[in-house]
């Protein structure tokens, strides 16, 4: 079941290969393991994608692909997973990461208003930056590991359930 569900949502390998940023990897994209979907490759890809989804950088897909290729995990799933943080979900996710960082640093959360200016970014790095970056790192590691081990568990339970159903079907026939 997880394999069918994942195949429905991940992009095909042709659309990934045609991406101008991913195409920088050239012949490395010809490895068949990057496109194969099994428990190990899917769990690794999900973990990598979730890890980089919490990085507040504009090139998360490229970082995810650059990590997925040498680890030989499913590239489309790894690249697609970073889109958990998109323009709609980014504010609450990053605010939550900031709150986690503030809690870990034992500092009270500071109220702030976003401004689209370079001066605001520089000023924010000095005031809320340490808590925000720490929270992003901790959340990235936590959710990356949670996704990795969680998908392993879901996949294993799904295979076990299917195995038992086949055994019952054979016994009743």
C-alpha atoms as a PDB file:
ATOM      1  CA  UNK A   1       0.000   0.000   0.000  1.00  0.00           C
ATOM      2  CA  UNK A   2       2.676   2.643   0.799  1.00  0.00           C
ATOM      3  CA  UNK A   3       4.347   1.951  -2.538  1.00  0.00           C
ATOM      4  CA  UNK A   4       1.144   2.541  -4.517  1.00  0.00           C
ATOM      5  CA  UNK A   5       0.339   5.662  -2.512  1.00  0.00           C
ATOM      6  CA  UNK A   6       3.826   7.109  -2.942  1.00  0.00           C
ATOM      7  CA  UNK A   7       3.912   6.372  -6.677  1.00  0.00           C
ATOM      8  CA  UNK A   8       0.742   8.389  -7.098  1.00  0.00           C
ATOM      9  CA  UNK A   9       2.280  11.541  -5.628  1.00  0.00           C
ATOM     10  CA  UNK A  10       5.942  11.557  -6.691  1.00  0.00           C
ATOM     11  CA  UNK A  11       6.935  13.003 -10.064  1.00  0.00           C
ATOM     12  CA  UNK A  12       8.199  10.710 -12.818  1.00  0.00           C
ATOM     13  CA  UNK A  13      11.895  10.468 -13.577  1.00  0.00           C
ATOM     14  CA  UNK A  14      11.623  12.289 -16.912  1.00  0.00           C
ATOM     15  CA  UNK A  15      10.240  15.463 -15.339  1.00  0.00           C
ATOM     16  CA  UNK A  16      12.973  15.353 -12.679  1.00  0.00           C
ATOM     17  CA  UNK A  17      15.719  14.856 -15.277  1.00  0.00           C
ATOM     18  CA  UNK A  18      14.422  17.835 -17.267  1.00  0.00           C
ATOM     19  CA  UNK A  19      14.652  20.196 -14.290  1.00  0.00           C
ATOM     20  CA  UNK A  20      17.509  22.595 -15.104  1.00  0.00           C
ATOM     21  CA  UNK A  21      18.923  22.531 -11.585  1.00  0.00           C
ATOM     22  CA  UNK A  22      18.777  18.754 -11.206  1.00  0.00           C
ATOM     23  CA  UNK A  23      20.241  18.303 -14.711  1.00  0.00           C
ATOM     24  CA  UNK A  24      23.516  19.667 -13.292  1.00  0.00           C
ATOM     25  CA  UNK A  25      24.113  16.185 -11.885  1.00  0.00           C
ATOM     26  CA  UNK A  26      24.445  14.821 -15.451  1.00  0.00           C
ATOM     27  CA  UNK A  27      25.207  11.117 -15.764  1.00  0.00           C
ATOM     28  CA  UNK A  28      24.791  10.543 -12.039  1.00  0.00           C
ATOM     29  CA  UNK A  29      21.038  10.526 -12.737  1.00  0.00           C
ATOM     30  CA  UNK A  30      21.362   7.304 -14.769  1.00  0.00           C
ATOM     31  CA  UNK A  31      21.653   5.131 -11.646  1.00  0.00           C
ATOM     32  CA  UNK A  32      18.536   2.925 -11.596  1.00  0.00           C
ATOM     33  CA  UNK A  33      18.457   2.908  -7.789  1.00  0.00           C
ATOM     34  CA  UNK A  34      17.567   6.610  -7.806  1.00  0.00           C
ATOM     35  CA  UNK A  35      14.257   5.809  -9.489  1.00  0.00           C
ATOM     36  CA  UNK A  36      13.424   2.494  -7.780  1.00  0.00           C
ATOM     37  CA  UNK A  37      10.871   2.584  -4.993  1.00  0.00           C
ATOM     38  CA  UNK A  38      11.382   0.168  -2.129  1.00  0.00           C
ATOM     39  CA  UNK A  39      11.303   0.456   1.661  1.00  0.00           C
ATOM     40  CA  UNK A  40      14.933   1.484   2.045  1.00  0.00           C
ATOM     41  CA  UNK A  41      14.977   4.026  -0.778  1.00  0.00           C
ATOM     42  CA  UNK A  42      11.597   5.527   0.125  1.00  0.00           C
ATOM     43  CA  UNK A  43      12.400   5.867   3.827  1.00  0.00           C
ATOM     44  CA  UNK A  44      15.788   7.406   3.087  1.00  0.00           C
ATOM     45  CA  UNK A  45      14.298   9.825   0.587  1.00  0.00           C
ATOM     46  CA  UNK A  46      11.554  10.868   2.999  1.00  0.00           C
ATOM     47  CA  UNK A  47      14.097  11.426   5.777  1.00  0.00           C
ATOM     48  CA  UNK A  48      16.335  13.525   3.527  1.00  0.00           C
ATOM     49  CA  UNK A  49      13.426  15.546   2.164  1.00  0.00           C
ATOM     50  CA  UNK A  50      12.014  16.283   5.604  1.00  0.00           C
ATOM     51  CA  UNK A  51      15.447  17.223   6.907  1.00  0.00           C
ATOM     52  CA  UNK A  52      15.995  19.797   4.161  1.00  0.00           C
ATOM     53  CA  UNK A  53      12.392  21.025   4.287  1.00  0.00           C
ATOM     54  CA  UNK A  54      13.226  22.768   7.554  1.00  0.00           C
ATOM     55  CA  UNK A  55      16.274  24.561   6.176  1.00  0.00           C
ATOM     56  CA  UNK A  56      15.434  28.230   5.544  1.00  0.00           C
ATOM     57  CA  UNK A  57      17.255  28.368   2.203  1.00  0.00           C
ATOM     58  CA  UNK A  58      15.906  28.865  -1.318  1.00  0.00           C
ATOM     59  CA  UNK A  59      17.602  25.806  -2.862  1.00  0.00           C
ATOM     60  CA  UNK A  60      16.209  22.972  -0.758  1.00  0.00           C
ATOM     61  CA  UNK A  61      15.418  20.765  -3.775  1.00  0.00           C
ATOM     62  CA  UNK A  62      18.999  20.948  -4.988  1.00  0.00           C
ATOM     63  CA  UNK A  63      20.385  20.076  -1.543  1.00  0.00           C
ATOM     64  CA  UNK A  64      17.956  17.182  -1.256  1.00  0.00           C
ATOM     65  CA  UNK A  65      18.975  15.860  -4.683  1.00  0.00           C
ATOM     66  CA  UNK A  66      22.677  16.325  -3.900  1.00  0.00           C
ATOM     67  CA  UNK A  67      22.243  14.173  -0.797  1.00  0.00           C
ATOM     68  CA  UNK A  68      19.934  11.567  -2.364  1.00  0.00           C
ATOM     69  CA  UNK A  69      22.282  10.786  -5.262  1.00  0.00           C
ATOM     70  CA  UNK A  70      25.319   9.551  -3.275  1.00  0.00           C
ATOM     71  CA  UNK A  71      23.061   7.786  -0.754  1.00  0.00           C
ATOM     72  CA  UNK A  72      21.236   6.117  -3.682  1.00  0.00           C
ATOM     73  CA  UNK A  73      17.730   6.734  -2.382  1.00  0.00           C
ATOM     74  CA  UNK A  74      14.628   7.604  -4.399  1.00  0.00           C
ATOM     75  CA  UNK A  75      15.354  10.953  -6.022  1.00  0.00           C
ATOM     76  CA  UNK A  76      11.802  12.014  -6.984  1.00  0.00           C
ATOM     77  CA  UNK A  77      10.486  11.404  -3.475  1.00  0.00           C
ATOM     78  CA  UNK A  78      13.426  13.203  -1.905  1.00  0.00           C
ATOM     79  CA  UNK A  79      12.944  16.242  -4.123  1.00  0.00           C
ATOM     80  CA  UNK A  80       9.155  16.278  -3.764  1.00  0.00           C
ATOM     81  CA  UNK A  81       9.218  16.001   0.031  1.00  0.00           C
ATOM     82  CA  UNK A  82      10.931  19.361   0.514  1.00  0.00           C
ATOM     83  CA  UNK A  83       7.768  20.992  -0.852  1.00  0.00           C
ATOM     84  CA  UNK A  84       6.152  20.358   2.513  1.00  0.00           C
ATOM     85  CA  UNK A  85       7.490  23.839   3.167  1.00  0.00           C
ATOM     86  CA  UNK A  86       5.909  25.879   0.420  1.00  0.00           C
ATOM     87  CA  UNK A  87       4.819  29.538   0.412  1.00  0.00           C
ATOM     88  CA  UNK A  88       1.580  28.626   2.226  1.00  0.00           C
ATOM     89  CA  UNK A  89       3.010  26.335   4.908  1.00  0.00           C
ATOM     90  CA  UNK A  90       6.338  28.079   5.451  1.00  0.00           C
ATOM     91  CA  UNK A  91       5.156  30.772   7.906  1.00  0.00           C
ATOM     92  CA  UNK A  92       3.574  28.412  10.477  1.00  0.00           C
ATOM     93  CA  UNK A  93       6.323  25.794  10.122  1.00  0.00           C
ATOM     94  CA  UNK A  94       9.149  28.290  10.524  1.00  0.00           C
ATOM     95  CA  UNK A  95       7.350  30.066  13.356  1.00  0.00           C
ATOM     96  CA  UNK A  96       7.011  26.709  15.099  1.00  0.00           C
ATOM     97  CA  UNK A  97      10.726  26.097  14.536  1.00  0.00           C
ATOM     98  CA  UNK A  98      11.449  29.507  16.049  1.00  0.00           C
ATOM     99  CA  UNK A  99       9.362  28.627  19.113  1.00  0.00           C
ATOM    100  CA  UNK A 100      11.250  25.331  19.488  1.00  0.00           C
ATOM    101  CA  UNK A 101      14.569  27.190  19.275  1.00  0.00           C
ATOM    102  CA  UNK A 102      13.444  29.806  21.789  1.00  0.00           C
ATOM    103  CA  UNK A 103      12.335  27.044  24.153  1.00  0.00           C
ATOM    104  CA  UNK A 104      15.662  25.213  23.783  1.00  0.00           C
ATOM    105  CA  UNK A 105      17.629  28.417  24.400  1.00  0.00           C
ATOM    106  CA  UNK A 106      15.342  29.231  27.333  1.00  0.00           C
ATOM    107  CA  UNK A 107      14.577  32.683  25.964  1.00  0.00           C
ATOM    108  CA  UNK A 108      11.134  34.218  25.786  1.00  0.00           C
ATOM    109  CA  UNK A 109       9.721  34.413  22.235  1.00  0.00           C
ATOM    110  CA  UNK A 110       9.955  37.918  20.814  1.00  0.00           C
ATOM    111  CA  UNK A 111       7.035  39.333  18.864  1.00  0.00           C
ATOM    112  CA  UNK A 112       7.977  40.583  15.418  1.00  0.00           C
ATOM    113  CA  UNK A 113       6.392  41.637  12.158  1.00  0.00           C
ATOM    114  CA  UNK A 114       7.759  40.554   8.814  1.00  0.00           C
ATOM    115  CA  UNK A 115       9.050  43.217   6.440  1.00  0.00           C
ATOM    116  CA  UNK A 116      10.326  42.521   2.937  1.00  0.00           C
ATOM    117  CA  UNK A 117      13.596  44.415   3.316  1.00  0.00           C
ATOM    118  CA  UNK A 118      17.240  43.516   3.632  1.00  0.00           C
ATOM    119  CA  UNK A 119      17.551  45.657   6.770  1.00  0.00           C
ATOM    120  CA  UNK A 120      14.813  43.608   8.487  1.00  0.00           C
ATOM    121  CA  UNK A 121      16.601  40.354   7.586  1.00  0.00           C
ATOM    122  CA  UNK A 122      19.914  41.568   9.039  1.00  0.00           C
ATOM    123  CA  UNK A 123      18.231  42.899  12.179  1.00  0.00           C
ATOM    124  CA  UNK A 124      16.234  39.675  12.609  1.00  0.00           C
ATOM    125  CA  UNK A 125      19.359  37.529  12.354  1.00  0.00           C
ATOM    126  CA  UNK A 126      20.687  39.365  15.378  1.00  0.00           C
ATOM    127  CA  UNK A 127      17.489  39.166  17.457  1.00  0.00           C
ATOM    128  CA  UNK A 128      15.504  36.048  16.524  1.00  0.00           C
ATOM    129  CA  UNK A 129      18.146  34.397  14.337  1.00  0.00           C
ATOM    130  CA  UNK A 130      19.857  32.119  16.876  1.00  0.00           C
ATOM    131  CA  UNK A 131      16.576  30.672  18.155  1.00  0.00           C
ATOM    132  CA  UNK A 132      15.187  30.352  14.630  1.00  0.00           C
ATOM    133  CA  UNK A 133      18.247  28.588  13.201  1.00  0.00           C
ATOM    134  CA  UNK A 134      18.550  26.258  16.195  1.00  0.00           C
ATOM    135  CA  UNK A 135      14.852  25.410  15.954  1.00  0.00           C
ATOM    136  CA  UNK A 136      15.141  24.741  12.217  1.00  0.00           C
ATOM    137  CA  UNK A 137      18.089  22.409  12.798  1.00  0.00           C
ATOM    138  CA  UNK A 138      16.433  20.514  15.627  1.00  0.00           C
ATOM    139  CA  UNK A 139      13.104  20.214  13.783  1.00  0.00           C
ATOM    140  CA  UNK A 140      14.878  19.111  10.606  1.00  0.00           C
ATOM    141  CA  UNK A 141      16.732  16.350  12.419  1.00  0.00           C
ATOM    142  CA  UNK A 142      13.693  15.303  14.458  1.00  0.00           C
ATOM    143  CA  UNK A 143      11.226  15.165  11.561  1.00  0.00           C
ATOM    144  CA  UNK A 144      13.815  13.646   9.218  1.00  0.00           C
ATOM    145  CA  UNK A 145      14.394  10.774  11.650  1.00  0.00           C
ATOM    146  CA  UNK A 146      10.669  10.513  12.392  1.00  0.00           C
ATOM    147  CA  UNK A 147       9.908  10.258   8.672  1.00  0.00           C
ATOM    148  CA  UNK A 148      12.676   7.722   8.084  1.00  0.00           C
ATOM    149  CA  UNK A 149      11.746   5.363  10.910  1.00  0.00           C
ATOM    150  CA  UNK A 150       8.010   6.031  10.562  1.00  0.00           C
ATOM    151  CA  UNK A 151       7.953   5.031   6.896  1.00  0.00           C
ATOM    152  CA  UNK A 152      10.040   1.952   7.678  1.00  0.00           C
ATOM    153  CA  UNK A 153       7.454   0.957  10.289  1.00  0.00           C
ATOM    154  CA  UNK A 154       4.425   1.696   8.081  1.00  0.00           C
ATOM    155  CA  UNK A 155       5.949  -0.178   5.152  1.00  0.00           C
ATOM    156  CA  UNK A 156       6.849  -3.158   7.325  1.00  0.00           C
ATOM    157  CA  UNK A 157       3.353  -3.318   8.857  1.00  0.00           C
ATOM    158  CA  UNK A 158       1.776  -3.063   5.412  1.00  0.00           C
ATOM    159  CA  UNK A 159       3.888  -5.923   4.050  1.00  0.00           C
ATOM    160  CA  UNK A 160       3.192  -8.018   7.156  1.00  0.00           C
ATOM    161  CA  UNK A 161      -0.553  -7.417   6.853  1.00  0.00           C
ATOM    162  CA  UNK A 162      -0.523  -8.355   3.168  1.00  0.00           C
ATOM    163  CA  UNK A 163       1.488 -11.491   3.985  1.00  0.00           C
ATOM    164  CA  UNK A 164      -1.045 -12.554   6.627  1.00  0.00           C
ATOM    165  CA  UNK A 165      -3.972 -11.908   4.263  1.00  0.00           C
ATOM    166  CA  UNK A 166      -2.342 -14.095   1.612  1.00  0.00           C
ATOM    167  CA  UNK A 167      -1.780 -16.849   4.180  1.00  0.00           C
ATOM    168  CA  UNK A 168      -5.425 -16.693   5.269  1.00  0.00           C
ATOM    169  CA  UNK A 169      -6.560 -16.754   1.632  1.00  0.00           C
ATOM    170  CA  UNK A 170      -4.415 -19.840   0.953  1.00  0.00           C
ATOM    171  CA  UNK A 171      -5.710 -21.606   4.049  1.00  0.00           C
ATOM    172  CA  UNK A 172      -9.338 -20.939   3.227  1.00  0.00           C
ATOM    173  CA  UNK A 173      -8.929 -22.092  -0.404  1.00  0.00           C
END
